[in-house]
Protein backbone atom coordinates (compact mmCIF):
# COMPACT_ATOMS: atom_id res chain seq x y z
CA MET A 1 61.16 21.07 184.87
CA HIS A 2 64.21 20.28 182.69
CA ASP A 3 63.71 20.67 178.96
CA PRO A 4 66.07 18.32 177.07
CA ARG A 5 66.11 20.69 174.09
CA TYR A 6 68.22 23.05 176.18
CA SER A 7 70.78 20.51 177.32
CA THR A 8 74.30 21.70 178.08
CA THR A 9 75.84 18.32 177.34
CA LEU A 10 77.80 17.65 174.17
CA GLU A 11 74.86 15.99 172.49
CA ARG A 12 72.72 18.46 170.61
CA PRO A 13 69.13 17.20 170.27
CA LEU A 14 68.23 20.26 168.18
CA ALA A 15 71.03 19.46 165.72
CA SER A 16 69.06 16.73 163.99
CA PRO A 17 69.45 16.42 160.22
CA GLU A 18 65.88 17.75 159.85
CA THR A 19 66.71 20.84 161.89
CA ARG A 20 69.85 21.48 159.88
CA ARG A 21 67.99 21.07 156.58
CA GLY A 22 65.20 23.33 157.83
CA LEU A 23 67.66 26.07 158.76
CA GLU A 24 69.35 25.74 155.38
CA ARG A 25 65.99 25.99 153.56
CA ALA A 26 65.00 29.00 155.64
CA LEU A 27 68.30 30.74 154.91
CA ASN A 28 68.01 30.01 151.19
CA GLU A 29 64.44 31.31 151.10
CA LEU A 30 65.31 34.48 153.01
CA ASP A 31 68.31 35.05 150.73
CA ARG A 32 65.99 34.69 147.73
CA ILE A 33 63.46 37.10 149.25
CA LEU A 34 66.18 39.60 150.14
CA GLY A 35 67.38 39.43 146.54
CA CYS A 36 63.87 40.23 145.29
CA VAL A 37 63.51 43.11 147.76
CA SER A 38 66.99 44.43 146.97
CA ASP A 39 66.29 44.28 143.21
CA ARG A 40 63.61 46.94 143.66
CA ALA A 41 66.06 49.50 144.98
CA GLU A 42 69.30 49.36 146.90
CA VAL A 43 68.99 50.16 150.60
CA PRO A 44 72.20 51.85 151.71
CA TYR A 45 73.74 51.34 155.12
CA TYR A 46 77.09 52.65 156.22
CA GLY A 47 78.09 51.07 159.50
CA PRO A 48 80.16 52.78 162.18
CA THR A 49 83.43 51.22 161.02
CA LEU A 50 82.96 52.32 157.43
CA LEU A 51 81.84 55.81 158.46
CA ALA A 52 84.89 56.19 160.71
CA SER A 53 87.15 55.55 157.72
CA MET A 54 85.51 58.36 155.70
CA SER A 55 86.23 62.05 155.60
CA GLU A 56 83.72 64.33 157.30
CA LYS A 57 82.29 65.37 153.93
CA ASP A 58 81.93 61.73 152.75
CA GLN A 59 80.30 60.79 156.07
CA SER A 60 77.77 63.57 155.63
CA MET A 61 77.01 62.51 152.05
CA ALA A 62 76.67 58.84 153.06
CA LEU A 63 74.31 59.60 155.94
CA HIS A 64 72.28 61.91 153.71
CA ALA A 65 71.98 59.16 151.06
CA GLU A 66 70.84 56.68 153.73
CA GLN A 67 68.22 59.03 155.11
CA ALA A 68 66.95 60.04 151.67
CA ARG A 69 66.40 56.38 150.76
CA TYR A 70 64.68 55.62 154.06
CA ASP A 71 62.44 58.70 153.64
CA GLN A 72 61.62 57.72 150.06
CA ASN A 73 60.31 54.29 150.99
CA PRO A 74 60.44 53.48 154.70
CA GLU A 75 58.44 50.25 154.37
CA ASP A 76 60.81 48.65 151.85
CA SER A 77 63.81 49.84 153.83
CA ALA A 78 62.41 48.34 157.04
CA VAL A 79 61.60 45.05 155.26
CA HIS A 80 65.17 44.90 153.97
CA PHE A 81 66.60 45.30 157.48
CA CYS A 82 64.11 42.87 159.06
CA ILE A 83 65.06 40.17 156.55
CA THR A 84 68.75 40.92 157.06
CA SER A 85 68.25 40.52 160.81
CA ALA A 86 66.39 37.23 160.37
CA ILE A 87 69.14 35.87 158.12
CA ALA A 88 71.81 36.81 160.65
CA LEU A 89 69.89 35.12 163.49
CA LEU A 90 69.48 31.95 161.45
CA GLU A 91 73.22 32.05 160.77
CA VAL A 92 73.83 32.28 164.53
CA SER A 93 71.61 29.23 165.02
CA GLN A 94 73.38 27.35 162.26
CA ALA A 95 76.82 28.23 163.66
CA LEU A 96 75.77 27.09 167.13
CA LEU A 97 74.48 23.78 165.80
CA ASN A 98 77.60 23.19 163.70
CA GLN A 99 80.18 23.84 166.42
CA ALA A 100 82.92 21.28 166.75
CA SER A 101 82.40 19.18 169.88
CA ASP A 102 86.00 19.60 171.08
CA PRO A 103 87.43 22.69 169.38
CA THR A 104 90.97 23.93 169.78
CA PRO A 105 91.28 27.31 171.51
CA GLN A 106 91.81 28.96 168.09
CA GLU A 107 88.73 27.25 166.63
CA GLN A 108 86.68 28.24 169.67
CA GLN A 109 87.82 31.85 169.38
CA ARG A 110 86.96 31.87 165.66
CA GLN A 111 83.54 30.32 166.35
CA TRP A 112 82.70 32.91 169.01
CA ALA A 113 83.91 35.77 166.82
CA THR A 114 81.58 34.53 164.08
CA LEU A 115 78.66 34.28 166.52
CA VAL A 116 79.33 37.80 167.81
CA ALA A 117 79.52 39.22 164.28
CA TYR A 118 76.23 37.59 163.20
CA THR A 119 74.51 38.63 166.43
CA LYS A 120 75.66 42.23 166.04
CA THR A 121 74.42 42.27 162.45
CA ALA A 122 71.04 40.92 163.57
CA GLY A 123 70.70 43.45 166.37
CA ARG A 124 71.83 46.41 164.31
CA SER A 125 69.56 45.46 161.43
CA ALA A 126 66.53 45.06 163.70
CA TYR A 127 67.35 48.37 165.39
CA ARG A 128 67.71 50.07 162.00
CA ALA A 129 64.28 48.76 160.93
CA ALA A 130 62.72 49.95 164.19
CA SER A 131 64.34 53.38 163.81
CA ILE A 132 63.10 53.76 160.25
CA LEU A 133 59.57 52.81 161.25
CA THR A 134 59.65 55.02 164.34
CA ASP A 135 60.84 57.99 162.27
CA HIS A 136 57.98 57.45 159.84
CA THR A 137 55.12 56.63 162.21
CA PRO A 138 51.94 58.21 160.87
CA LEU A 139 50.47 60.87 163.13
CA VAL A 140 46.93 60.07 164.18
């Protein structure tokens, strides 16, 4: 059975004004929550690109700082990364809904690069949260 919500035509039934406002409210609320969580203590994360630009000693110090923070409070660290992932996924949704209907090749390339960046952020953040929780699973 065909679901019109998943249409491949140029019309975007999900892109209603209510949907757009709902996404915007959700993003604003998650940004607010992330700010409250981040105020408690900074959760460091040094991605692969940043680590590659560091000396071996700086890489070691950065990874040690990350791990020390995650060990200190794994729950808050995992919450931080879960919220970051949710924000990135909502940004993907928003970008998809706001695509130009007939973009130039440059616009299309820019749009897809943005989608890829947000999706990678979401995946990496969710993976980081899962890793933190896995590393700190209570033994029963």
